[in-house]
Amino acid sequence: MSRDHPFPNLEEAARRLGDRSSGLSLPDLRGLLCRDCDFYHEDHEDDLECSCFRVLRLMLERGRLTPAQLSGLAGPSRQE
């Protein structure tokens, strides 16, 4: 796991899930999208979903984005 990545849980989940975009379970999605959020509480996983989760879940489910791509987009900026 990179110490420079602003979303270390996303990076770890993306590494595990790779380029898979279909067939992600709700726990996979929550691990990928929610664990780095200040509002996430592992012991209170219920049916509440924020708008960011919904948008990213749709993009992943429709194959427009993969976990690996998401991690790359959210990773540290590369300034030249």
PDB file of N, CA and C in Angstrom:
ATOM      1  N   MET A   1       0.841  -1.173   0.000  1.00  0.00           N
ATOM      2  CA  MET A   1       0.000   0.000   0.000  1.00  0.00           C
ATOM      3  C   MET A   1       0.891   1.243   0.000  1.00  0.00           C
ATOM      4  N   SER A   2       0.556   2.195  -0.832  1.00  0.00           N
ATOM      5  CA  SER A   2       1.335   3.417  -0.948  1.00  0.00           C
ATOM      6  C   SER A   2       0.993   4.381   0.176  1.00  0.00           C
ATOM      7  N   ARG A   3       2.001   4.930   0.786  1.00  0.00           N
ATOM      8  CA  ARG A   3       1.764   5.917   1.854  1.00  0.00           C
ATOM      9  C   ARG A   3       1.321   7.254   1.296  1.00  0.00           C
ATOM     10  N   ASP A   4       1.514   7.456  -0.012  1.00  0.00           N
ATOM     11  CA  ASP A   4       1.158   8.727  -0.632  1.00  0.00           C
ATOM     12  C   ASP A   4      -0.278   8.759  -1.135  1.00  0.00           C
ATOM     13  N   HIS A   5      -0.924   7.621  -1.193  1.00  0.00           N
ATOM     14  CA  HIS A   5      -2.286   7.563  -1.725  1.00  0.00           C
ATOM     15  C   HIS A   5      -3.236   8.174  -0.698  1.00  0.00           C
ATOM     16  N   PRO A   6      -4.062   9.157  -1.103  1.00  0.00           N
ATOM     17  CA  PRO A   6      -4.966   9.804  -0.151  1.00  0.00           C
ATOM     18  C   PRO A   6      -6.110   8.904   0.322  1.00  0.00           C
ATOM     19  N   PHE A   7      -6.329   7.773  -0.368  1.00  0.00           N
ATOM     20  CA  PHE A   7      -7.396   6.844  -0.013  1.00  0.00           C
ATOM     21  C   PHE A   7      -6.808   5.438   0.094  1.00  0.00           C
ATOM     22  N   PRO A   8      -6.110   5.135   1.186  1.00  0.00           N
ATOM     23  CA  PRO A   8      -5.396   3.853   1.290  1.00  0.00           C
ATOM     24  C   PRO A   8      -6.309   2.631   1.241  1.00  0.00           C
ATOM     25  N   ASN A   9      -7.518   2.710   1.783  1.00  0.00           N
ATOM     26  CA  ASN A   9      -8.426   1.557   1.719  1.00  0.00           C
ATOM     27  C   ASN A   9      -8.903   1.323   0.297  1.00  0.00           C
ATOM     28  N   LEU A  10      -9.169   2.385  -0.438  1.00  0.00           N
ATOM     29  CA  LEU A  10      -9.543   2.265  -1.844  1.00  0.00           C
ATOM     30  C   LEU A  10      -8.406   1.621  -2.625  1.00  0.00           C
ATOM     31  N   GLU A  11      -7.193   2.048  -2.376  1.00  0.00           N
ATOM     32  CA  GLU A  11      -6.033   1.502  -3.085  1.00  0.00           C
ATOM     33  C   GLU A  11      -5.896   0.006  -2.823  1.00  0.00           C
ATOM     34  N   GLU A  12      -6.048  -0.403  -1.568  1.00  0.00           N
ATOM     35  CA  GLU A  12      -5.915  -1.824  -1.220  1.00  0.00           C
ATOM     36  C   GLU A  12      -7.034  -2.641  -1.847  1.00  0.00           C
ATOM     37  N   ALA A  13      -8.276  -2.142  -1.786  1.00  0.00           N
ATOM     38  CA  ALA A  13      -9.408  -2.863  -2.369  1.00  0.00           C
ATOM     39  C   ALA A  13      -9.273  -2.945  -3.886  1.00  0.00           C
ATOM     40  N   ALA A  14      -8.829  -1.874  -4.516  1.00  0.00           N
ATOM     41  CA  ALA A  14      -8.650  -1.866  -5.966  1.00  0.00           C
ATOM     42  C   ALA A  14      -7.578  -2.864  -6.378  1.00  0.00           C
ATOM     43  N   ARG A  15      -6.532  -2.974  -5.609  1.00  0.00           N
ATOM     44  CA  ARG A  15      -5.477  -3.936  -5.897  1.00  0.00           C
ATOM     45  C   ARG A  15      -6.044  -5.363  -5.833  1.00  0.00           C
ATOM     46  N   ARG A  16      -6.896  -5.605  -4.860  1.00  0.00           N
ATOM     47  CA  ARG A  16      -7.502  -6.926  -4.680  1.00  0.00           C
ATOM     48  C   ARG A  16      -8.523  -7.225  -5.785  1.00  0.00           C
ATOM     49  N   LEU A  17      -9.330  -6.223  -6.158  1.00  0.00           N
ATOM     50  CA  LEU A  17     -10.390  -6.427  -7.143  1.00  0.00           C
ATOM     51  C   LEU A  17      -9.918  -6.268  -8.577  1.00  0.00           C
ATOM     52  N   GLY A  18      -8.843  -5.517  -8.789  1.00  0.00           N
ATOM     53  CA  GLY A  18      -8.251  -5.353 -10.111  1.00  0.00           C
ATOM     54  C   GLY A  18      -9.157  -4.679 -11.119  1.00  0.00           C
ATOM     55  N   ASP A  19      -9.219  -5.243 -12.311  1.00  0.00           N
ATOM     56  CA  ASP A  19      -9.978  -4.643 -13.415  1.00  0.00           C
ATOM     57  C   ASP A  19     -11.405  -5.167 -13.501  1.00  0.00           C
ATOM     58  N   ARG A  20     -11.824  -5.872 -12.481  1.00  0.00           N
ATOM     59  CA  ARG A  20     -13.191  -6.403 -12.465  1.00  0.00           C
ATOM     60  C   ARG A  20     -14.176  -5.254 -12.272  1.00  0.00           C
ATOM     61  N   SER A  21     -15.172  -5.147 -13.113  1.00  0.00           N
ATOM     62  CA  SER A  21     -16.173  -4.111 -12.896  1.00  0.00           C
ATOM     63  C   SER A  21     -17.554  -4.714 -12.691  1.00  0.00           C
ATOM     64  N   SER A  22     -17.776  -5.911 -13.180  1.00  0.00           N
ATOM     65  CA  SER A  22     -19.079  -6.537 -12.977  1.00  0.00           C
ATOM     66  C   SER A  22     -18.976  -7.597 -11.889  1.00  0.00           C
ATOM     67  N   GLY A  23     -20.105  -7.876 -11.293  1.00  0.00           N
ATOM     68  CA  GLY A  23     -20.134  -8.916 -10.277  1.00  0.00           C
ATOM     69  C   GLY A  23     -19.580  -8.511  -8.926  1.00  0.00           C
ATOM     70  N   LEU A  24     -19.432  -7.211  -8.684  1.00  0.00           N
ATOM     71  CA  LEU A  24     -18.950  -6.757  -7.385  1.00  0.00           C
ATOM     72  C   LEU A  24     -20.097  -6.818  -6.382  1.00  0.00           C
ATOM     73  N   SER A  25     -19.840  -7.410  -5.234  1.00  0.00           N
ATOM     74  CA  SER A  25     -20.865  -7.516  -4.198  1.00  0.00           C
ATOM     75  C   SER A  25     -20.982  -6.200  -3.435  1.00  0.00           C
ATOM     76  N   LEU A  26     -22.061  -6.063  -2.670  1.00  0.00           N
ATOM     77  CA  LEU A  26     -22.227  -4.865  -1.847  1.00  0.00           C
ATOM     78  C   LEU A  26     -21.060  -4.701  -0.866  1.00  0.00           C
ATOM     79  N   PRO A  27     -20.589  -5.767  -0.195  1.00  0.00           N
ATOM     80  CA  PRO A  27     -19.399  -5.606   0.657  1.00  0.00           C
ATOM     81  C   PRO A  27     -18.158  -5.175  -0.133  1.00  0.00           C
ATOM     82  N   ASP A  28     -17.985  -5.692  -1.362  1.00  0.00           N
ATOM     83  CA  ASP A  28     -16.869  -5.243  -2.209  1.00  0.00           C
ATOM     84  C   ASP A  28     -16.976  -3.755  -2.483  1.00  0.00           C
ATOM     85  N   LEU A  29     -18.175  -3.318  -2.856  1.00  0.00           N
ATOM     86  CA  LEU A  29     -18.388  -1.904  -3.174  1.00  0.00           C
ATOM     87  C   LEU A  29     -18.172  -1.015  -1.956  1.00  0.00           C
ATOM     88  N   ARG A  30     -18.689  -1.430  -0.820  1.00  0.00           N
ATOM     89  CA  ARG A  30     -18.491  -0.621   0.397  1.00  0.00           C
ATOM     90  C   ARG A  30     -17.015  -0.562   0.785  1.00  0.00           C
ATOM     91  N   GLY A  31     -16.313  -1.678   0.645  1.00  0.00           N
ATOM     92  CA  GLY A  31     -14.883  -1.685   0.940  1.00  0.00           C
ATOM     93  C   GLY A  31     -14.105  -0.784   0.008  1.00  0.00           C
ATOM     94  N   LEU A  32     -14.514  -0.755  -1.246  1.00  0.00           N
ATOM     95  CA  LEU A  32     -13.836   0.049  -2.253  1.00  0.00           C
ATOM     96  C   LEU A  32     -14.168   1.531  -2.117  1.00  0.00           C
ATOM     97  N   LEU A  33     -15.445   1.837  -1.925  1.00  0.00           N
ATOM     98  CA  LEU A  33     -15.902   3.226  -2.008  1.00  0.00           C
ATOM     99  C   LEU A  33     -16.102   3.922  -0.669  1.00  0.00           C
ATOM    100  N   CYS A  34     -16.348   3.198   0.396  1.00  0.00           N
ATOM    101  CA  CYS A  34     -16.795   3.834   1.643  1.00  0.00           C
ATOM    102  C   CYS A  34     -15.769   3.858   2.779  1.00  0.00           C
ATOM    103  N   ARG A  35     -14.872   2.907   2.826  1.00  0.00           N
ATOM    104  CA  ARG A  35     -14.019   2.752   4.006  1.00  0.00           C
ATOM    105  C   ARG A  35     -13.155   3.972   4.326  1.00  0.00           C
ATOM    106  N   ASP A  36     -12.800   4.773   3.347  1.00  0.00           N
ATOM    107  CA  ASP A  36     -11.985   5.960   3.606  1.00  0.00           C
ATOM    108  C   ASP A  36     -12.815   7.186   3.983  1.00  0.00           C
ATOM    109  N   CYS A  37     -14.123   7.066   3.918  1.00  0.00           N
ATOM    110  CA  CYS A  37     -15.016   8.193   4.202  1.00  0.00           C
ATOM    111  C   CYS A  37     -15.127   8.432   5.711  1.00  0.00           C
ATOM    112  N   ASP A  38     -15.152   9.686   6.106  1.00  0.00           N
ATOM    113  CA  ASP A  38     -15.300  10.033   7.527  1.00  0.00           C
ATOM    114  C   ASP A  38     -16.629   9.561   8.103  1.00  0.00           C
ATOM    115  N   PHE A  39     -17.617   9.361   7.253  1.00  0.00           N
ATOM    116  CA  PHE A  39     -18.944   8.950   7.716  1.00  0.00           C
ATOM    117  C   PHE A  39     -19.107   7.436   7.821  1.00  0.00           C
ATOM    118  N   TYR A  40     -18.114   6.683   7.357  1.00  0.00           N
ATOM    119  CA  TYR A  40     -18.211   5.225   7.341  1.00  0.00           C
ATOM    120  C   TYR A  40     -17.993   4.665   8.744  1.00  0.00           C
ATOM    121  N   HIS A  41     -18.892   3.781   9.150  1.00  0.00           N
ATOM    122  CA  HIS A  41     -18.772   3.069  10.424  1.00  0.00           C
ATOM    123  C   HIS A  41     -19.040   1.599  10.133  1.00  0.00           C
ATOM    124  N   GLU A  42     -18.011   0.782  10.241  1.00  0.00           N
ATOM    125  CA  GLU A  42     -18.111  -0.624   9.872  1.00  0.00           C
ATOM    126  C   GLU A  42     -19.226  -1.360  10.607  1.00  0.00           C
ATOM    127  N   ASP A  43     -19.462  -0.992  11.846  1.00  0.00           N
ATOM    128  CA  ASP A  43     -20.479  -1.686  12.625  1.00  0.00           C
ATOM    129  C   ASP A  43     -21.888  -1.159  12.367  1.00  0.00           C
ATOM    130  N   HIS A  44     -22.037  -0.175  11.482  1.00  0.00           N
ATOM    131  CA  HIS A  44     -23.357   0.376  11.173  1.00  0.00           C
ATOM    132  C   HIS A  44     -23.658   0.308   9.677  1.00  0.00           C
ATOM    133  N   GLU A  45     -23.279  -0.787   9.041  1.00  0.00           N
ATOM    134  CA  GLU A  45     -23.571  -0.933   7.617  1.00  0.00           C
ATOM    135  C   GLU A  45     -25.057  -1.204   7.451  1.00  0.00           C
ATOM    136  N   ASP A  46     -25.754  -0.258   6.881  1.00  0.00           N
ATOM    137  CA  ASP A  46     -27.181  -0.440   6.623  1.00  0.00           C
ATOM    138  C   ASP A  46     -27.464  -0.067   5.182  1.00  0.00           C
ATOM    139  N   ASP A  47     -28.683   0.216   4.871  1.00  0.00           N
ATOM    140  CA  ASP A  47     -29.053   0.485   3.491  1.00  0.00           C
ATOM    141  C   ASP A  47     -28.865   1.936   3.070  1.00  0.00           C
ATOM    142  N   LEU A  48     -28.308   2.779   3.924  1.00  0.00           N
ATOM    143  CA  LEU A  48     -28.083   4.173   3.549  1.00  0.00           C
ATOM    144  C   LEU A  48     -26.913   4.256   2.574  1.00  0.00           C
ATOM    145  N   GLU A  49     -27.099   5.037   1.519  1.00  0.00           N
ATOM    146  CA  GLU A  49     -26.049   5.229   0.526  1.00  0.00           C
ATOM    147  C   GLU A  49     -25.963   6.711   0.189  1.00  0.00           C
ATOM    148  N   CYS A  50     -24.759   7.258   0.213  1.00  0.00           N
ATOM    149  CA  CYS A  50     -24.595   8.648  -0.188  1.00  0.00           C
ATOM    150  C   CYS A  50     -24.614   8.738  -1.718  1.00  0.00           C
ATOM    151  N   SER A  51     -24.763   9.930  -2.229  1.00  0.00           N
ATOM    152  CA  SER A  51     -24.832  10.129  -3.681  1.00  0.00           C
ATOM    153  C   SER A  51     -23.542   9.713  -4.379  1.00  0.00           C
ATOM    154  N   CYS A  52     -22.409   9.965  -3.739  1.00  0.00           N
ATOM    155  CA  CYS A  52     -21.135   9.563  -4.346  1.00  0.00           C
ATOM    156  C   CYS A  52     -21.078   8.049  -4.515  1.00  0.00           C
ATOM    157  N   PHE A  53     -21.515   7.327  -3.502  1.00  0.00           N
ATOM    158  CA  PHE A  53     -21.552   5.868  -3.588  1.00  0.00           C
ATOM    159  C   PHE A  53     -22.435   5.431  -4.751  1.00  0.00           C
ATOM    160  N   ARG A  54     -23.604   6.036  -4.880  1.00  0.00           N
ATOM    161  CA  ARG A  54     -24.536   5.649  -5.941  1.00  0.00           C
ATOM    162  C   ARG A  54     -23.954   5.889  -7.330  1.00  0.00           C
ATOM    163  N   VAL A  55     -23.354   7.058  -7.530  1.00  0.00           N
ATOM    164  CA  VAL A  55     -22.776   7.390  -8.828  1.00  0.00           C
ATOM    165  C   VAL A  55     -21.638   6.435  -9.164  1.00  0.00           C
ATOM    166  N   LEU A  56     -20.721   6.251  -8.224  1.00  0.00           N
ATOM    167  CA  LEU A  56     -19.579   5.373  -8.489  1.00  0.00           C
ATOM    168  C   LEU A  56     -20.020   3.919  -8.648  1.00  0.00           C
ATOM    169  N   ARG A  57     -21.002   3.478  -7.865  1.00  0.00           N
ATOM    170  CA  ARG A  57     -21.512   2.113  -8.001  1.00  0.00           C
ATOM    171  C   ARG A  57     -22.077   1.903  -9.403  1.00  0.00           C
ATOM    172  N   LEU A  58     -22.867   2.864  -9.908  1.00  0.00           N
ATOM    173  CA  LEU A  58     -23.419   2.750 -11.259  1.00  0.00           C
ATOM    174  C   LEU A  58     -22.320   2.701 -12.315  1.00  0.00           C
ATOM    175  N   MET A  59     -21.312   3.528 -12.166  1.00  0.00           N
ATOM    176  CA  MET A  59     -20.209   3.533 -13.132  1.00  0.00           C
ATOM    177  C   MET A  59     -19.477   2.194 -13.123  1.00  0.00           C
ATOM    178  N   LEU A  60     -19.267   1.627 -11.942  1.00  0.00           N
ATOM    179  CA  LEU A  60     -18.614   0.326 -11.837  1.00  0.00           C
ATOM    180  C   LEU A  60     -19.503  -0.777 -12.406  1.00  0.00           C
ATOM    181  N   GLU A  61     -20.776  -0.777 -12.041  1.00  0.00           N
ATOM    182  CA  GLU A  61     -21.696  -1.816 -12.507  1.00  0.00           C
ATOM    183  C   GLU A  61     -21.903  -1.780 -14.016  1.00  0.00           C
ATOM    184  N   ARG A  62     -21.828  -0.609 -14.603  1.00  0.00           N
ATOM    185  CA  ARG A  62     -22.032  -0.478 -16.057  1.00  0.00           C
ATOM    186  C   ARG A  62     -20.738  -0.631 -16.850  1.00  0.00           C
ATOM    187  N   GLY A  63     -19.634  -0.907 -16.157  1.00  0.00           N
ATOM    188  CA  GLY A  63     -18.368  -1.135 -16.844  1.00  0.00           C
ATOM    189  C   GLY A  63     -17.691   0.113 -17.354  1.00  0.00           C
ATOM    190  N   ARG A  64     -18.119   1.269 -16.883  1.00  0.00           N
ATOM    191  CA  ARG A  64     -17.515   2.539 -17.308  1.00  0.00           C
ATOM    192  C   ARG A  64     -16.224   2.841 -16.540  1.00  0.00           C
ATOM    193  N   LEU A  65     -16.036   2.121 -15.451  1.00  0.00           N
ATOM    194  CA  LEU A  65     -14.908   2.358 -14.560  1.00  0.00           C
ATOM    195  C   LEU A  65     -14.578   1.041 -13.871  1.00  0.00           C
ATOM    196  N   THR A  66     -13.302   0.775 -13.667  1.00  0.00           N
ATOM    197  CA  THR A  66     -12.881  -0.408 -12.915  1.00  0.00           C
ATOM    198  C   THR A  66     -12.286   0.047 -11.586  1.00  0.00           C
ATOM    199  N   PRO A  67     -12.199  -0.848 -10.609  1.00  0.00           N
ATOM    200  CA  PRO A  67     -11.553  -0.481  -9.345  1.00  0.00           C
ATOM    201  C   PRO A  67     -10.129   0.042  -9.546  1.00  0.00           C
ATOM    202  N   ALA A  68      -9.382  -0.592 -10.446  1.00  0.00           N
ATOM    203  CA  ALA A  68      -8.008  -0.150 -10.698  1.00  0.00           C
ATOM    204  C   ALA A  68      -7.977   1.266 -11.271  1.00  0.00           C
ATOM    205  N   GLN A  69      -8.883   1.564 -12.195  1.00  0.00           N
ATOM    206  CA  GLN A  69      -8.951   2.916 -12.763  1.00  0.00           C
ATOM    207  C   GLN A  69      -9.324   3.936 -11.699  1.00  0.00           C
ATOM    208  N   LEU A  70     -10.280   3.587 -10.858  1.00  0.00           N
ATOM    209  CA  LEU A  70     -10.709   4.488  -9.795  1.00  0.00           C
ATOM    210  C   LEU A  70      -9.561   4.807  -8.848  1.00  0.00           C
ATOM    211  N   SER A  71      -8.799   3.793  -8.480  1.00  0.00           N
ATOM    212  CA  SER A  71      -7.656   4.006  -7.598  1.00  0.00           C
ATOM    213  C   SER A  71      -6.629   4.920  -8.253  1.00  0.00           C
ATOM    214  N   GLY A  72      -6.392   4.718  -9.552  1.00  0.00           N
ATOM    215  CA  GLY A  72      -5.455   5.576 -10.272  1.00  0.00           C
ATOM    216  C   GLY A  72      -5.915   7.018 -10.345  1.00  0.00           C
ATOM    217  N   LEU A  73      -7.219   7.210 -10.565  1.00  0.00           N
ATOM    218  CA  LEU A  73      -7.773   8.565 -10.627  1.00  0.00           C
ATOM    219  C   LEU A  73      -7.709   9.268  -9.277  1.00  0.00           C
ATOM    220  N   ALA A  74      -7.909   8.519  -8.203  1.00  0.00           N
ATOM    221  CA  ALA A  74      -7.942   9.120  -6.861  1.00  0.00           C
ATOM    222  C   ALA A  74      -6.579   9.173  -6.207  1.00  0.00           C
ATOM    223  N   GLY A  75      -5.588   8.596  -6.843  1.00  0.00           N
ATOM    224  CA  GLY A  75      -4.238   8.541  -6.272  1.00  0.00           C
ATOM    225  C   GLY A  75      -3.555   9.887  -6.244  1.00  0.00           C
ATOM    226  N   PRO A  76      -2.331   9.888  -5.775  1.00  0.00           N
ATOM    227  CA  PRO A  76      -1.585  11.145  -5.686  1.00  0.00           C
ATOM    228  C   PRO A  76      -1.439  11.801  -7.054  1.00  0.00           C
ATOM    229  N   SER A  77      -1.528  13.118  -7.080  1.00  0.00           N
ATOM    230  CA  SER A  77      -1.368  13.831  -8.343  1.00  0.00           C
ATOM    231  C   SER A  77       0.093  13.793  -8.759  1.00  0.00           C
ATOM    232  N   ARG A  78       0.288  13.724 -10.034  1.00  0.00           N
ATOM    233  CA  ARG A  78       1.655  13.675 -10.571  1.00  0.00           C
ATOM    234  C   ARG A  78       1.958  15.025 -11.220  1.00  0.00           C
ATOM    235  N   GLN A  79       2.582  15.871 -10.456  1.00  0.00           N
ATOM    236  CA  GLN A  79       2.928  17.197 -10.968  1.00  0.00           C
ATOM    237  C   GLN A  79       4.305  17.143 -11.584  1.00  0.00           C
ATOM    238  N   GLU A  80       4.425  17.727 -12.753  1.00  0.00           N
ATOM    239  CA  GLU A  80       5.716  17.720 -13.450  1.00  0.00           C
ATOM    240  C   GLU A  80       6.466  18.982 -13.219  1.00  0.00           C
TER     241      GLU A  80
END
